Amino acid sequence: MKYLLFLLLPMVVFATSSFITETEYASQLYKNPRGIACGRCHGDHGEGKLIANYVHKNKKKSFVGPRINNVQYRKFYKALHERKKGMPRYYLTPKEVEALYFYLHKDDKKKAKNAK
């Protein structure tokens, strides 16, 4: 019994802690969620980014990843679960979507604290 307790104790102690913070997890998720980084199209901080310029029917056009760091959560969640032109499907869990959203809005929390 003493040996069993000795073996299970580390599991109990470390089960409540994590080797990575929520911010680190969200950062890594944003940088490489399923092989294609969000930042490649939406910018390092979700500010939007020019992806490509091209010509279509003799007209110059641009393909731009929209700004996503100013989107409300409901719209953000919905956008990640709808089929959009040029947007890959990631099949993110609700927890992953939440982590990404709060990663993009971490500065909002700082601004709110500084405003008090």
Protein backbone atom coordinates (compact mmCIF):
# COMPACT_ATOMS: atom_id res chain seq x y z
CA MET A 1 0.00 0.00 0.00
CA LYS A 2 2.85 2.35 0.86
CA TYR A 3 4.43 1.74 -2.56
CA LEU A 4 1.14 2.37 -4.35
CA LEU A 5 0.75 5.68 -2.55
CA PHE A 6 4.34 6.56 -3.43
CA LEU A 7 3.63 5.90 -7.12
CA LEU A 8 0.31 7.78 -7.21
CA LEU A 9 1.42 10.86 -5.28
CA PRO A 10 3.25 12.52 -8.22
CA MET A 11 0.17 12.04 -10.42
CA VAL A 12 -2.04 13.76 -7.88
CA VAL A 13 0.39 16.63 -7.35
CA PHE A 14 1.06 17.28 -11.03
CA ALA A 15 -2.50 16.65 -12.25
CA THR A 16 -3.57 20.10 -11.12
CA SER A 17 -0.58 21.93 -12.58
CA SER A 18 0.60 22.26 -16.14
CA PHE A 19 4.00 22.63 -17.71
CA ILE A 20 2.68 25.35 -20.05
CA THR A 21 0.65 28.45 -19.22
CA GLU A 22 -2.65 29.27 -20.89
CA THR A 23 -0.98 32.19 -22.70
CA GLU A 24 1.82 29.97 -23.99
CA TYR A 25 -0.71 27.38 -25.15
CA ALA A 26 -2.80 30.01 -26.95
CA SER A 27 0.31 31.53 -28.54
CA GLN A 28 1.40 28.17 -29.92
CA LEU A 29 -2.12 27.44 -31.08
CA TYR A 30 -2.22 30.77 -32.96
CA LYS A 31 1.20 30.20 -34.49
CA ASN A 32 0.48 26.65 -35.67
CA PRO A 33 -3.02 25.27 -34.94
CA ARG A 34 -3.15 22.49 -37.51
CA GLY A 35 -0.18 23.09 -39.78
CA ILE A 36 -1.17 26.55 -41.07
CA ALA A 37 -0.53 29.49 -38.76
CA CYS A 38 -3.33 32.01 -38.19
CA GLY A 39 -0.72 34.77 -38.25
CA ARG A 40 0.26 34.04 -41.83
CA CYS A 41 -3.02 35.54 -43.01
CA HIS A 42 -4.24 37.58 -40.04
CA GLY A 43 -0.92 39.05 -38.84
CA ASP A 44 1.14 38.38 -35.75
CA HIS A 45 -1.45 39.95 -33.47
CA GLY A 46 -4.62 39.52 -35.54
CA GLU A 47 -4.32 42.97 -37.10
CA GLY A 48 -4.97 41.70 -40.65
CA LYS A 49 -2.45 41.14 -43.41
CA LEU A 50 -2.04 41.31 -47.17
CA ILE A 51 -1.69 37.76 -48.44
CA ALA A 52 -1.27 38.33 -52.17
CA ASN A 53 -1.76 40.77 -55.01
CA TYR A 54 -2.97 39.32 -58.30
CA VAL A 55 -4.60 40.20 -61.60
CA HIS A 56 -8.04 38.86 -62.49
CA LYS A 57 -9.67 39.80 -65.82
CA ASN A 58 -7.11 42.58 -66.29
CA LYS A 59 -7.93 44.11 -62.89
CA LYS A 60 -5.47 44.33 -60.02
CA LYS A 61 -6.85 42.70 -56.90
CA SER A 62 -5.65 41.86 -53.42
CA PHE A 63 -6.38 38.92 -51.19
CA VAL A 64 -6.33 40.12 -47.58
CA GLY A 65 -6.67 38.25 -44.32
CA PRO A 66 -9.05 40.38 -42.27
CA ARG A 67 -8.37 41.88 -38.87
CA ILE A 68 -9.60 39.49 -36.17
CA ASN A 69 -8.39 41.08 -32.93
CA ASN A 70 -11.40 43.39 -32.77
CA VAL A 71 -14.12 40.79 -33.37
CA GLN A 72 -16.62 39.90 -30.65
CA TYR A 73 -16.44 36.35 -29.31
CA ARG A 74 -19.71 35.12 -30.83
CA LYS A 75 -18.68 36.27 -34.33
CA PHE A 76 -15.16 34.90 -33.83
CA TYR A 77 -16.49 31.48 -32.81
CA LYS A 78 -18.97 31.39 -35.68
CA ALA A 79 -16.33 32.39 -38.25
CA LEU A 80 -14.10 29.51 -37.18
CA HIS A 81 -16.92 27.03 -37.71
CA GLU A 82 -18.23 28.31 -41.07
CA ARG A 83 -16.84 27.57 -44.48
CA LYS A 84 -15.16 30.71 -45.81
CA LYS A 85 -13.33 31.34 -49.04
CA GLY A 86 -9.60 30.95 -48.47
CA MET A 87 -9.98 30.04 -44.79
CA PRO A 88 -8.82 26.54 -43.89
CA ARG A 89 -10.98 24.41 -41.60
CA TYR A 90 -9.20 23.73 -38.34
CA TYR A 91 -11.86 21.75 -36.45
CA LEU A 92 -10.97 23.50 -33.21
CA THR A 93 -12.52 22.51 -29.92
CA PRO A 94 -14.49 25.15 -27.99
CA LYS A 95 -11.57 25.42 -25.52
CA GLU A 96 -9.13 26.03 -28.38
CA VAL A 97 -11.37 28.74 -29.86
CA GLU A 98 -11.61 30.38 -26.44
CA ALA A 99 -7.82 30.24 -26.00
CA LEU A 100 -7.27 31.85 -29.40
CA TYR A 101 -9.83 34.56 -28.70
CA PHE A 102 -8.27 35.50 -25.36
CA TYR A 103 -4.79 35.38 -26.89
CA LEU A 104 -5.87 37.97 -29.46
CA HIS A 105 -7.58 40.10 -26.81
CA LYS A 106 -4.95 39.92 -24.07
CA ASP A 107 -4.15 43.61 -24.57
CA ASP A 108 -7.83 44.46 -23.97
CA LYS A 109 -7.48 43.07 -20.45
CA LYS A 110 -4.37 45.23 -19.85
CA LYS A 111 -6.14 48.35 -21.14
CA ALA A 112 -9.13 47.68 -18.88
CA LYS A 113 -6.86 47.29 -15.84
CA ASN A 114 -4.94 50.50 -16.66
CA ALA A 115 -8.19 52.44 -17.13
CA LYS A 116 -9.29 51.74 -13.54
